[in-house]
N, C-alpha and C. Protein backbone atom coordinates (compact mmCIF):
# COMPACT_ATOMS: atom_id res chain seq x y z
N MET A 1 0.85 -1.18 0.00
CA MET A 1 0.00 0.00 0.00
C MET A 1 0.89 1.23 0.00
N THR A 2 0.55 2.22 -0.82
CA THR A 2 1.32 3.45 -0.87
C THR A 2 0.67 4.51 0.01
N ALA A 3 1.51 5.39 0.54
CA ALA A 3 1.01 6.46 1.39
C ALA A 3 0.33 7.52 0.53
N ALA A 4 -0.67 8.15 1.08
CA ALA A 4 -1.36 9.23 0.38
C ALA A 4 -0.41 10.42 0.25
N SER A 5 -0.57 11.14 -0.83
CA SER A 5 0.25 12.33 -1.01
C SER A 5 -0.08 13.35 0.08
N PRO A 6 0.94 14.09 0.54
CA PRO A 6 0.66 15.12 1.54
C PRO A 6 -0.17 16.29 0.98
N LEU A 7 -0.33 16.33 -0.36
CA LEU A 7 -1.17 17.36 -0.98
C LEU A 7 -2.08 16.70 -2.00
N GLU A 8 -3.37 16.90 -1.83
CA GLU A 8 -4.34 16.44 -2.81
C GLU A 8 -4.78 17.63 -3.64
N ILE A 9 -4.71 17.49 -4.95
CA ILE A 9 -5.09 18.55 -5.88
C ILE A 9 -6.25 18.04 -6.71
N SER A 10 -7.40 18.67 -6.59
CA SER A 10 -8.60 18.28 -7.34
C SER A 10 -8.96 19.39 -8.31
N THR A 11 -9.35 19.00 -9.51
CA THR A 11 -9.82 19.96 -10.50
C THR A 11 -11.30 20.23 -10.24
N THR A 12 -11.69 21.50 -10.28
CA THR A 12 -13.09 21.88 -10.12
C THR A 12 -13.52 22.66 -11.36
N ASP A 13 -14.80 23.00 -11.43
CA ASP A 13 -15.30 23.79 -12.56
C ASP A 13 -14.69 25.18 -12.61
N THR A 14 -14.23 25.66 -11.46
CA THR A 14 -13.69 27.02 -11.38
C THR A 14 -12.18 27.07 -11.19
N GLY A 15 -11.54 25.91 -11.07
CA GLY A 15 -10.08 25.91 -10.87
C GLY A 15 -9.60 24.67 -10.15
N LEU A 16 -9.06 24.88 -8.95
CA LEU A 16 -8.47 23.79 -8.18
C LEU A 16 -8.93 23.83 -6.73
N ALA A 17 -8.99 22.66 -6.11
CA ALA A 17 -9.24 22.56 -4.67
C ALA A 17 -8.06 21.79 -4.09
N LEU A 18 -7.47 22.33 -3.04
CA LEU A 18 -6.28 21.74 -2.43
C LEU A 18 -6.61 21.24 -1.04
N ALA A 19 -5.93 20.16 -0.64
CA ALA A 19 -6.06 19.64 0.72
C ALA A 19 -4.72 19.07 1.13
N GLY A 20 -4.25 19.46 2.31
CA GLY A 20 -2.99 18.91 2.82
C GLY A 20 -1.94 19.97 3.01
N GLU A 21 -0.71 19.63 2.60
CA GLU A 21 0.44 20.49 2.84
C GLU A 21 1.13 20.87 1.53
N ILE A 22 1.50 22.15 1.45
CA ILE A 22 2.27 22.63 0.29
C ILE A 22 3.67 22.93 0.80
N ASP A 23 4.62 22.10 0.37
CA ASP A 23 6.00 22.24 0.82
C ASP A 23 6.93 21.97 -0.37
N ALA A 24 8.22 21.85 -0.09
CA ALA A 24 9.20 21.64 -1.17
C ALA A 24 8.90 20.37 -1.97
N TYR A 25 8.33 19.39 -1.32
CA TYR A 25 8.01 18.12 -1.98
C TYR A 25 6.78 18.24 -2.89
N THR A 26 5.77 18.97 -2.45
CA THR A 26 4.51 19.03 -3.19
C THR A 26 4.35 20.28 -4.07
N ALA A 27 5.17 21.30 -3.84
CA ALA A 27 5.05 22.55 -4.59
C ALA A 27 5.17 22.35 -6.11
N PRO A 28 6.09 21.50 -6.60
CA PRO A 28 6.16 21.32 -8.06
C PRO A 28 4.86 20.78 -8.65
N ALA A 29 4.18 19.88 -7.95
CA ALA A 29 2.90 19.36 -8.45
C ALA A 29 1.85 20.45 -8.51
N LEU A 30 1.87 21.34 -7.53
CA LEU A 30 0.92 22.46 -7.53
C LEU A 30 1.22 23.40 -8.69
N ALA A 31 2.50 23.70 -8.91
CA ALA A 31 2.88 24.58 -10.02
C ALA A 31 2.41 23.97 -11.35
N ASP A 32 2.60 22.67 -11.51
CA ASP A 32 2.15 21.99 -12.73
C ASP A 32 0.63 22.07 -12.89
N ALA A 33 -0.09 21.83 -11.79
CA ALA A 33 -1.56 21.86 -11.85
C ALA A 33 -2.07 23.25 -12.23
N ILE A 34 -1.45 24.29 -11.67
CA ILE A 34 -1.86 25.66 -12.01
C ILE A 34 -1.57 25.95 -13.48
N GLU A 35 -0.40 25.53 -13.93
CA GLU A 35 -0.02 25.75 -15.33
C GLU A 35 -0.95 25.02 -16.29
N GLN A 36 -1.39 23.82 -15.92
CA GLN A 36 -2.27 23.00 -16.77
C GLN A 36 -3.70 23.56 -16.83
N CYS A 37 -4.09 24.33 -15.82
CA CYS A 37 -5.44 24.86 -15.76
C CYS A 37 -5.60 25.92 -16.86
N GLU A 38 -6.58 25.73 -17.74
CA GLU A 38 -6.74 26.59 -18.90
C GLU A 38 -7.74 27.72 -18.71
N LEU A 39 -8.29 27.86 -17.52
CA LEU A 39 -9.26 28.93 -17.27
C LEU A 39 -8.56 30.28 -17.23
N SER A 40 -9.27 31.33 -17.61
CA SER A 40 -8.69 32.67 -17.54
C SER A 40 -8.75 33.24 -16.12
N HIS A 41 -9.69 32.75 -15.32
CA HIS A 41 -9.81 33.15 -13.91
C HIS A 41 -9.83 31.86 -13.09
N VAL A 42 -8.71 31.57 -12.44
CA VAL A 42 -8.54 30.32 -11.71
C VAL A 42 -8.75 30.56 -10.22
N LEU A 43 -9.74 29.89 -9.66
CA LEU A 43 -9.97 29.93 -8.22
C LEU A 43 -9.26 28.74 -7.59
N ILE A 44 -8.45 29.00 -6.57
CA ILE A 44 -7.75 27.94 -5.86
C ILE A 44 -8.30 27.90 -4.44
N ASP A 45 -9.11 26.87 -4.18
CA ASP A 45 -9.74 26.71 -2.87
C ASP A 45 -8.72 26.13 -1.89
N MET A 46 -8.43 26.89 -0.83
CA MET A 46 -7.40 26.49 0.14
C MET A 46 -7.98 26.19 1.52
N ALA A 47 -9.28 25.86 1.56
CA ALA A 47 -9.94 25.61 2.85
C ALA A 47 -9.34 24.43 3.60
N GLU A 48 -8.84 23.45 2.87
CA GLU A 48 -8.32 22.23 3.51
C GLU A 48 -6.79 22.18 3.55
N VAL A 49 -6.14 23.31 3.29
CA VAL A 49 -4.67 23.36 3.34
C VAL A 49 -4.25 23.61 4.78
N GLU A 50 -3.43 22.70 5.30
CA GLU A 50 -3.01 22.76 6.70
C GLU A 50 -1.67 23.46 6.90
N PHE A 51 -0.85 23.50 5.85
CA PHE A 51 0.51 24.02 6.00
C PHE A 51 1.03 24.49 4.65
N VAL A 52 1.74 25.61 4.64
CA VAL A 52 2.42 26.11 3.45
C VAL A 52 3.80 26.59 3.89
N ASP A 53 4.85 26.11 3.21
CA ASP A 53 6.20 26.61 3.53
C ASP A 53 6.63 27.61 2.46
N SER A 54 7.88 28.04 2.51
CA SER A 54 8.37 29.05 1.58
C SER A 54 8.32 28.57 0.13
N SER A 55 8.47 27.27 -0.10
CA SER A 55 8.37 26.74 -1.46
C SER A 55 6.95 26.93 -2.00
N GLY A 56 5.98 26.68 -1.14
CA GLY A 56 4.59 26.86 -1.53
C GLY A 56 4.25 28.32 -1.79
N LEU A 57 4.75 29.20 -0.93
CA LEU A 57 4.54 30.64 -1.15
C LEU A 57 5.14 31.07 -2.48
N ARG A 58 6.33 30.57 -2.78
CA ARG A 58 7.00 30.92 -4.03
C ARG A 58 6.15 30.50 -5.22
N VAL A 59 5.58 29.30 -5.19
CA VAL A 59 4.73 28.82 -6.29
C VAL A 59 3.51 29.73 -6.46
N LEU A 60 2.87 30.10 -5.35
CA LEU A 60 1.70 30.96 -5.42
C LEU A 60 2.04 32.35 -5.96
N ILE A 61 3.16 32.91 -5.53
CA ILE A 61 3.59 34.23 -6.01
C ILE A 61 3.94 34.16 -7.49
N GLU A 62 4.70 33.14 -7.89
CA GLU A 62 5.08 33.01 -9.30
C GLU A 62 3.86 32.78 -10.18
N ALA A 63 2.90 31.98 -9.72
CA ALA A 63 1.67 31.76 -10.49
C ALA A 63 0.90 33.07 -10.66
N HIS A 64 0.84 33.86 -9.59
CA HIS A 64 0.18 35.15 -9.64
C HIS A 64 0.86 36.06 -10.67
N GLN A 65 2.19 36.13 -10.63
CA GLN A 65 2.95 36.98 -11.55
C GLN A 65 2.79 36.53 -13.00
N GLU A 66 2.86 35.21 -13.22
CA GLU A 66 2.70 34.69 -14.58
C GLU A 66 1.28 34.93 -15.09
N ALA A 67 0.30 34.80 -14.21
CA ALA A 67 -1.08 35.05 -14.62
C ALA A 67 -1.26 36.52 -15.03
N GLN A 68 -0.71 37.42 -14.24
CA GLN A 68 -0.83 38.84 -14.58
C GLN A 68 -0.19 39.14 -15.94
N ALA A 69 0.96 38.53 -16.19
CA ALA A 69 1.68 38.77 -17.44
C ALA A 69 0.91 38.24 -18.65
N SER A 70 0.08 37.22 -18.43
CA SER A 70 -0.66 36.63 -19.54
C SER A 70 -2.15 36.97 -19.50
N GLU A 71 -2.50 37.99 -18.76
CA GLU A 71 -3.88 38.46 -18.64
C GLU A 71 -4.83 37.40 -18.10
N ARG A 72 -4.31 36.57 -17.19
CA ARG A 72 -5.13 35.61 -16.45
C ARG A 72 -5.25 36.13 -15.03
N ARG A 73 -6.07 35.44 -14.26
CA ARG A 73 -6.21 35.82 -12.85
C ARG A 73 -6.20 34.57 -12.00
N ILE A 74 -5.38 34.60 -10.96
CA ILE A 74 -5.33 33.54 -9.97
C ILE A 74 -5.91 34.13 -8.69
N GLN A 75 -6.88 33.44 -8.10
CA GLN A 75 -7.49 33.92 -6.87
C GLN A 75 -7.50 32.79 -5.84
N LEU A 76 -6.95 33.06 -4.66
CA LEU A 76 -6.97 32.11 -3.56
C LEU A 76 -8.27 32.30 -2.81
N THR A 77 -9.03 31.23 -2.62
CA THR A 77 -10.32 31.34 -1.94
C THR A 77 -10.34 30.47 -0.69
N ASN A 78 -11.17 30.87 0.26
CA ASN A 78 -11.40 30.11 1.49
C ASN A 78 -10.12 29.67 2.20
N PRO A 79 -9.16 30.58 2.40
CA PRO A 79 -7.93 30.12 3.05
C PRO A 79 -8.22 29.63 4.47
N SER A 80 -7.60 28.51 4.81
CA SER A 80 -7.73 27.99 6.17
C SER A 80 -7.10 29.00 7.13
N PRO A 81 -7.39 28.90 8.42
CA PRO A 81 -6.77 29.83 9.38
C PRO A 81 -5.25 29.83 9.30
N ALA A 82 -4.65 28.65 9.12
CA ALA A 82 -3.18 28.58 9.02
C ALA A 82 -2.67 29.32 7.79
N VAL A 83 -3.36 29.16 6.67
CA VAL A 83 -2.96 29.85 5.44
C VAL A 83 -3.18 31.35 5.57
N SER A 84 -4.32 31.76 6.12
CA SER A 84 -4.59 33.19 6.31
C SER A 84 -3.50 33.83 7.16
N ARG A 85 -3.13 33.18 8.23
CA ARG A 85 -2.10 33.71 9.13
C ARG A 85 -0.76 33.82 8.40
N LEU A 86 -0.39 32.80 7.64
CA LEU A 86 0.87 32.83 6.91
C LEU A 86 0.89 33.97 5.89
N LEU A 87 -0.19 34.13 5.14
CA LEU A 87 -0.25 35.20 4.15
C LEU A 87 -0.16 36.56 4.83
N GLU A 88 -0.79 36.68 5.99
CA GLU A 88 -0.78 37.94 6.73
C GLU A 88 0.63 38.26 7.26
N ILE A 89 1.26 37.30 7.92
CA ILE A 89 2.57 37.60 8.52
C ILE A 89 3.68 37.73 7.48
N SER A 90 3.48 37.10 6.31
CA SER A 90 4.48 37.24 5.25
C SER A 90 4.28 38.54 4.46
N GLY A 91 3.14 39.20 4.68
CA GLY A 91 2.89 40.48 4.03
C GLY A 91 2.42 40.37 2.59
N ILE A 92 2.02 39.18 2.16
CA ILE A 92 1.59 39.05 0.76
C ILE A 92 0.09 38.89 0.60
N ASP A 93 -0.65 38.99 1.70
CA ASP A 93 -2.11 38.86 1.60
C ASP A 93 -2.71 39.97 0.75
N ASP A 94 -2.10 41.15 0.76
CA ASP A 94 -2.61 42.24 -0.08
C ASP A 94 -2.12 42.13 -1.52
N TYR A 95 -0.99 41.46 -1.72
CA TYR A 95 -0.42 41.31 -3.05
C TYR A 95 -1.18 40.25 -3.86
N LEU A 96 -1.43 39.11 -3.25
CA LEU A 96 -2.17 38.04 -3.91
C LEU A 96 -3.67 38.33 -3.84
N ASN A 97 -4.41 37.80 -4.79
CA ASN A 97 -5.88 37.94 -4.77
C ASN A 97 -6.42 36.87 -3.83
N VAL A 98 -6.87 37.29 -2.64
CA VAL A 98 -7.36 36.36 -1.63
C VAL A 98 -8.79 36.76 -1.25
N SER A 99 -9.68 35.76 -1.20
CA SER A 99 -11.06 36.03 -0.77
C SER A 99 -11.53 34.89 0.12
N ASP A 100 -12.44 35.23 1.02
CA ASP A 100 -12.98 34.20 1.94
C ASP A 100 -14.09 33.42 1.29
């Protein structure tokens, strides 16, 4: 039996839904999933994200920058309390598009 991935990425009608941890191990899969999403306005539901490290923040920032450059929009929705706190203390909650 194989262990479940520390990050589950599900495709939704509006973008992606994440559950678990975004770290150096899982960040590349998230970057790939965001890149593969063909919507012009991508909602990333983070209600079930328990942890994000600097690798995860980097992926979210880079996705935001790439989206702006290509006239797309990335929006983080329903951030868990842990994610909200991290975005707040890192000072990027105002930079990224975040909504409850």
